[in-house]
N, C-alpha and C. Protein backbone atom coordinates (compact mmCIF):
# COMPACT_ATOMS: atom_id res chain seq x y z
N MET A 1 -11.00 1.32 25.01
CA MET A 1 -9.72 1.63 24.68
C MET A 1 -9.16 0.41 23.70
N TRP A 2 -9.32 -0.96 24.27
CA TRP A 2 -8.75 -1.94 23.55
C TRP A 2 -9.40 -2.11 22.13
N LEU A 3 -10.65 -1.85 22.22
CA LEU A 3 -11.55 -2.04 20.95
C LEU A 3 -11.03 -0.97 19.87
N ARG A 4 -10.80 0.15 20.35
CA ARG A 4 -10.37 1.26 19.40
C ARG A 4 -9.01 0.86 18.81
N ARG A 5 -8.18 0.15 19.65
CA ARG A 5 -6.76 0.04 19.23
C ARG A 5 -6.87 -1.24 18.13
N THR A 6 -7.67 -2.25 18.44
CA THR A 6 -7.73 -3.49 17.68
C THR A 6 -8.38 -3.15 16.24
N ILE A 7 -9.42 -2.33 16.36
CA ILE A 7 -10.01 -2.01 15.02
C ILE A 7 -9.14 -1.35 14.10
N THR A 8 -8.54 -0.31 14.64
CA THR A 8 -7.67 0.64 13.75
C THR A 8 -6.62 -0.50 13.16
N ARG A 9 -6.11 -1.33 13.95
CA ARG A 9 -4.98 -2.25 13.21
C ARG A 9 -5.59 -3.11 12.20
N LYS A 10 -6.62 -3.70 12.53
CA LYS A 10 -7.28 -4.66 11.64
C LYS A 10 -7.71 -4.06 10.32
N VAL A 11 -8.12 -2.88 10.26
CA VAL A 11 -8.63 -2.20 9.13
C VAL A 11 -7.39 -1.65 8.52
N ALA A 12 -6.32 -1.31 8.98
CA ALA A 12 -5.23 -1.00 8.41
C ALA A 12 -4.45 -2.21 7.78
N LYS A 13 -4.35 -3.15 8.45
CA LYS A 13 -3.57 -4.49 8.00
C LYS A 13 -4.34 -5.03 6.74
N SER A 14 -5.54 -4.80 6.58
CA SER A 14 -6.28 -5.24 5.46
C SER A 14 -5.68 -4.77 4.19
N GLY A 15 -5.31 -3.43 4.15
CA GLY A 15 -4.70 -2.70 2.95
C GLY A 15 -5.96 -2.22 2.10
N GLN A 16 -7.15 -2.45 2.36
CA GLN A 16 -8.30 -2.33 1.49
C GLN A 16 -8.95 -0.93 1.85
N PHE A 17 -8.67 -0.24 3.02
CA PHE A 17 -9.36 0.70 3.48
C PHE A 17 -8.50 1.77 3.95
N THR A 18 -7.46 2.17 3.12
CA THR A 18 -6.49 3.26 3.55
C THR A 18 -7.01 4.49 4.00
N ASP A 19 -8.07 4.92 3.09
CA ASP A 19 -8.63 6.38 3.49
C ASP A 19 -9.35 6.18 4.86
N PHE A 20 -10.19 5.09 4.97
CA PHE A 20 -10.87 4.95 6.13
C PHE A 20 -10.06 4.80 7.33
N ALA A 21 -9.02 4.15 7.22
CA ALA A 21 -8.02 3.80 8.31
C ALA A 21 -7.35 5.16 8.76
N LEU A 22 -7.05 5.98 7.76
CA LEU A 22 -6.55 7.35 8.03
C LEU A 22 -7.41 8.31 8.75
N GLU A 23 -8.78 8.05 8.40
CA GLU A 23 -9.81 8.86 9.16
C GLU A 23 -9.74 8.36 10.62
N MET A 24 -9.70 7.06 10.87
CA MET A 24 -9.82 6.52 12.21
C MET A 24 -8.50 6.93 12.98
N CYS A 25 -7.40 7.03 12.36
CA CYS A 25 -6.05 7.49 12.83
C CYS A 25 -6.23 8.89 13.25
N ASN A 26 -6.82 9.81 12.39
CA ASN A 26 -7.00 11.18 12.66
C ASN A 26 -7.84 11.42 13.93
N ALA A 27 -8.72 10.64 14.13
CA ALA A 27 -9.74 10.70 15.26
C ALA A 27 -9.09 10.29 16.52
N LEU A 28 -7.84 9.56 16.49
CA LEU A 28 -7.35 9.01 17.61
C LEU A 28 -5.93 9.55 17.85
N ILE A 29 -5.35 10.36 16.98
CA ILE A 29 -3.92 10.86 17.18
C ILE A 29 -3.55 11.72 18.54
N TYR A 30 -4.69 12.22 19.06
CA TYR A 30 -4.66 12.91 20.37
C TYR A 30 -5.12 12.30 21.51
N ALA A 31 -5.44 10.95 21.39
CA ALA A 31 -5.90 10.11 22.55
C ALA A 31 -4.96 10.15 23.74
N LYS A 32 -5.57 10.28 24.87
CA LYS A 32 -4.61 10.38 26.04
C LYS A 32 -3.96 9.08 26.45
N GLU A 33 -4.68 7.91 26.04
CA GLU A 33 -4.25 6.57 26.59
C GLU A 33 -2.92 6.28 25.61
N ASP A 34 -1.79 5.86 26.18
CA ASP A 34 -0.78 5.41 25.56
C ASP A 34 -0.85 4.35 24.61
N LEU A 35 -1.80 3.26 25.12
CA LEU A 35 -1.95 2.02 24.45
C LEU A 35 -2.75 2.45 23.07
N VAL A 36 -3.63 3.50 23.02
CA VAL A 36 -4.33 3.73 21.79
C VAL A 36 -3.22 4.54 20.86
N ARG A 37 -2.40 5.35 21.40
CA ARG A 37 -1.38 5.89 20.57
C ARG A 37 -0.51 4.96 19.93
N LYS A 38 -0.27 3.85 20.70
CA LYS A 38 0.68 2.83 19.98
C LYS A 38 0.03 2.06 19.07
N GLY A 39 -1.27 1.92 19.14
CA GLY A 39 -2.20 1.27 18.26
C GLY A 39 -2.33 1.97 16.91
N VAL A 40 -2.30 3.38 16.97
CA VAL A 40 -2.36 4.21 15.79
C VAL A 40 -0.98 4.14 15.14
N GLY A 41 -0.02 4.24 15.98
CA GLY A 41 1.37 3.96 15.28
C GLY A 41 1.56 2.58 14.64
N ARG A 42 1.06 1.60 15.19
CA ARG A 42 1.02 0.37 14.66
C ARG A 42 0.25 0.20 13.42
N ALA A 43 -1.07 0.90 13.38
CA ALA A 43 -1.75 0.89 12.12
C ALA A 43 -1.14 1.61 11.05
N LEU A 44 -0.56 2.82 11.27
CA LEU A 44 0.29 3.40 10.42
C LEU A 44 1.39 2.74 9.60
N LYS A 45 2.04 1.88 10.68
CA LYS A 45 3.21 0.94 10.09
C LYS A 45 2.44 -0.10 9.19
N ASP A 46 1.39 -0.61 9.44
CA ASP A 46 0.72 -1.57 8.47
C ASP A 46 0.31 -1.03 7.29
N LEU A 47 -0.22 0.27 7.37
CA LEU A 47 -0.70 0.83 6.18
C LEU A 47 0.47 1.18 5.33
N MET A 48 1.74 1.60 5.87
CA MET A 48 2.89 1.88 5.09
C MET A 48 3.33 0.75 4.39
N ARG A 49 2.93 -0.49 4.61
CA ARG A 49 3.36 -1.64 3.90
C ARG A 49 2.59 -1.66 2.39
N ALA A 50 1.46 -1.16 2.50
CA ALA A 50 0.73 -1.19 1.23
C ALA A 50 0.74 0.09 0.38
N ASP A 51 1.20 1.25 1.09
CA ASP A 51 1.17 2.47 0.42
C ASP A 51 2.19 3.31 1.10
N ARG A 52 3.39 2.96 0.77
CA ARG A 52 4.65 3.44 1.52
C ARG A 52 4.71 5.01 1.37
N VAL A 53 4.71 5.61 0.07
CA VAL A 53 4.97 6.98 -0.10
C VAL A 53 3.99 7.82 0.61
N ARG A 54 2.70 7.48 0.41
CA ARG A 54 1.58 8.22 1.07
C ARG A 54 1.68 8.29 2.55
N ILE A 55 1.77 7.17 3.03
CA ILE A 55 1.94 7.07 4.51
C ILE A 55 3.14 7.78 5.29
N LYS A 56 4.09 7.45 4.57
CA LYS A 56 5.39 8.37 5.11
C LYS A 56 5.26 9.93 5.17
N GLU A 57 4.57 10.33 3.96
CA GLU A 57 4.15 11.68 3.82
C GLU A 57 3.35 12.16 5.11
N TYR A 58 2.32 11.37 5.25
CA TYR A 58 1.31 11.54 6.42
C TYR A 58 2.00 11.51 7.83
N VAL A 59 2.99 10.50 7.97
CA VAL A 59 3.57 10.51 9.23
C VAL A 59 4.66 11.66 9.35
N ARG A 60 5.07 12.01 8.26
CA ARG A 60 6.01 13.26 8.26
C ARG A 60 5.29 14.54 8.64
N GLN A 61 4.15 14.74 8.14
CA GLN A 61 3.13 15.94 8.49
C GLN A 61 2.79 15.84 10.00
N LEU A 62 2.63 14.64 10.49
CA LEU A 62 2.31 14.40 11.99
C LEU A 62 3.48 14.93 12.87
N ARG A 63 4.60 14.61 12.48
CA ARG A 63 5.84 15.02 13.20
C ARG A 63 5.83 16.49 13.04
N LYS A 64 5.62 17.17 11.99
CA LYS A 64 5.63 18.61 11.94
C LYS A 64 4.72 19.17 13.02
N GLU A 65 3.52 18.47 13.27
CA GLU A 65 2.46 18.98 13.94
C GLU A 65 2.70 18.83 15.32
N GLY A 66 3.72 17.99 15.65
CA GLY A 66 4.00 17.68 17.15
C GLY A 66 3.21 16.53 17.87
N VAL A 67 2.68 15.70 16.91
CA VAL A 67 1.96 14.58 17.44
C VAL A 67 2.87 13.61 18.21
N SER A 68 2.25 13.00 19.23
CA SER A 68 3.17 12.12 20.11
C SER A 68 4.23 11.24 19.37
N SER A 69 5.39 11.39 19.82
CA SER A 69 6.56 10.51 19.18
C SER A 69 6.26 9.06 19.28
N THR A 70 5.43 8.55 20.08
CA THR A 70 4.97 7.33 20.17
C THR A 70 4.38 6.83 18.84
N ILE A 71 3.43 7.66 18.55
CA ILE A 71 2.87 7.30 17.16
C ILE A 71 3.86 7.26 16.04
N THR A 72 4.59 8.37 15.87
CA THR A 72 5.64 8.50 14.78
C THR A 72 6.68 7.29 14.79
N LEU A 73 7.17 7.04 15.94
CA LEU A 73 8.15 6.03 16.11
C LEU A 73 7.67 4.59 15.78
N TYR A 74 6.51 4.48 16.37
CA TYR A 74 5.86 3.03 16.03
C TYR A 74 5.48 2.96 14.48
N ALA A 75 5.15 4.11 13.93
CA ALA A 75 4.78 4.14 12.51
C ALA A 75 5.91 3.77 11.52
N ILE A 76 7.22 4.20 11.90
CA ILE A 76 8.39 4.05 11.10
C ILE A 76 9.20 2.86 11.56
N LYS A 77 8.74 2.09 12.28
CA LYS A 77 9.48 0.86 12.85
C LYS A 77 9.96 0.12 11.68
N ASP A 78 9.30 -0.09 10.61
CA ASP A 78 9.87 -0.92 9.45
C ASP A 78 10.88 -0.10 8.63
N LEU A 79 11.06 1.13 8.79
CA LEU A 79 12.02 1.75 7.98
C LEU A 79 13.47 1.40 8.59
N LYS A 80 14.43 1.15 7.66
CA LYS A 80 15.77 0.72 8.14
C LYS A 80 16.76 1.59 7.60
N GLY A 81 17.95 1.48 8.15
CA GLY A 81 19.11 2.00 7.59
C GLY A 81 19.05 3.51 7.23
N GLN A 82 19.70 3.88 6.16
CA GLN A 82 19.72 5.15 5.63
C GLN A 82 18.24 5.79 5.57
N GLU A 83 17.28 4.88 5.12
CA GLU A 83 15.95 5.61 4.97
C GLU A 83 15.50 6.11 6.24
N ARG A 84 15.59 5.36 7.39
CA ARG A 84 15.22 5.85 8.61
C ARG A 84 15.89 7.03 9.01
N VAL A 85 17.18 6.97 8.95
CA VAL A 85 18.03 8.15 9.32
C VAL A 85 17.55 9.40 8.81
N GLU A 86 17.29 9.45 7.36
CA GLU A 86 16.88 10.52 6.66
C GLU A 86 15.46 10.97 7.00
N PHE A 87 14.59 9.92 7.27
CA PHE A 87 13.32 10.38 7.60
C PHE A 87 13.41 11.03 9.05
N LEU A 88 14.00 10.50 10.01
CA LEU A 88 14.15 11.15 11.26
C LEU A 88 14.79 12.47 11.18
N ALA A 89 15.78 12.76 10.28
CA ALA A 89 16.49 13.90 10.12
C ALA A 89 15.46 14.98 9.48
N GLY A 90 14.43 14.59 8.97
CA GLY A 90 13.58 15.41 8.25
C GLY A 90 13.73 15.38 6.71
N GLY A 91 14.55 14.59 6.30
CA GLY A 91 14.79 14.49 4.80
C GLY A 91 13.68 13.76 3.98
N GLU A 92 14.13 13.37 2.93
CA GLU A 92 13.09 12.76 1.88
C GLU A 92 13.14 11.13 2.16
N GLY A 93 14.05 10.77 2.94
CA GLY A 93 14.17 9.09 3.26
C GLY A 93 13.01 8.30 3.44
């Protein structure tokens, strides 16, 4: 469990392997362990720093699919102010 969480975050943080990191996140989004879901959310947050538009759209789609709010809320942790409000309301923010 810890290994899956750590690897996902390290790959995301590098900013070099966005497609690979998204594949890893896809494989883990329905994990039963809360710690793994938190790791996926943090990986998405790290990815968003490098490719904000693409990852915001990905997280928006996850919300529509009903993926754990733990993942989506960790992913958007860096969104602030009006951007965060609009995102949570389902807008373009």
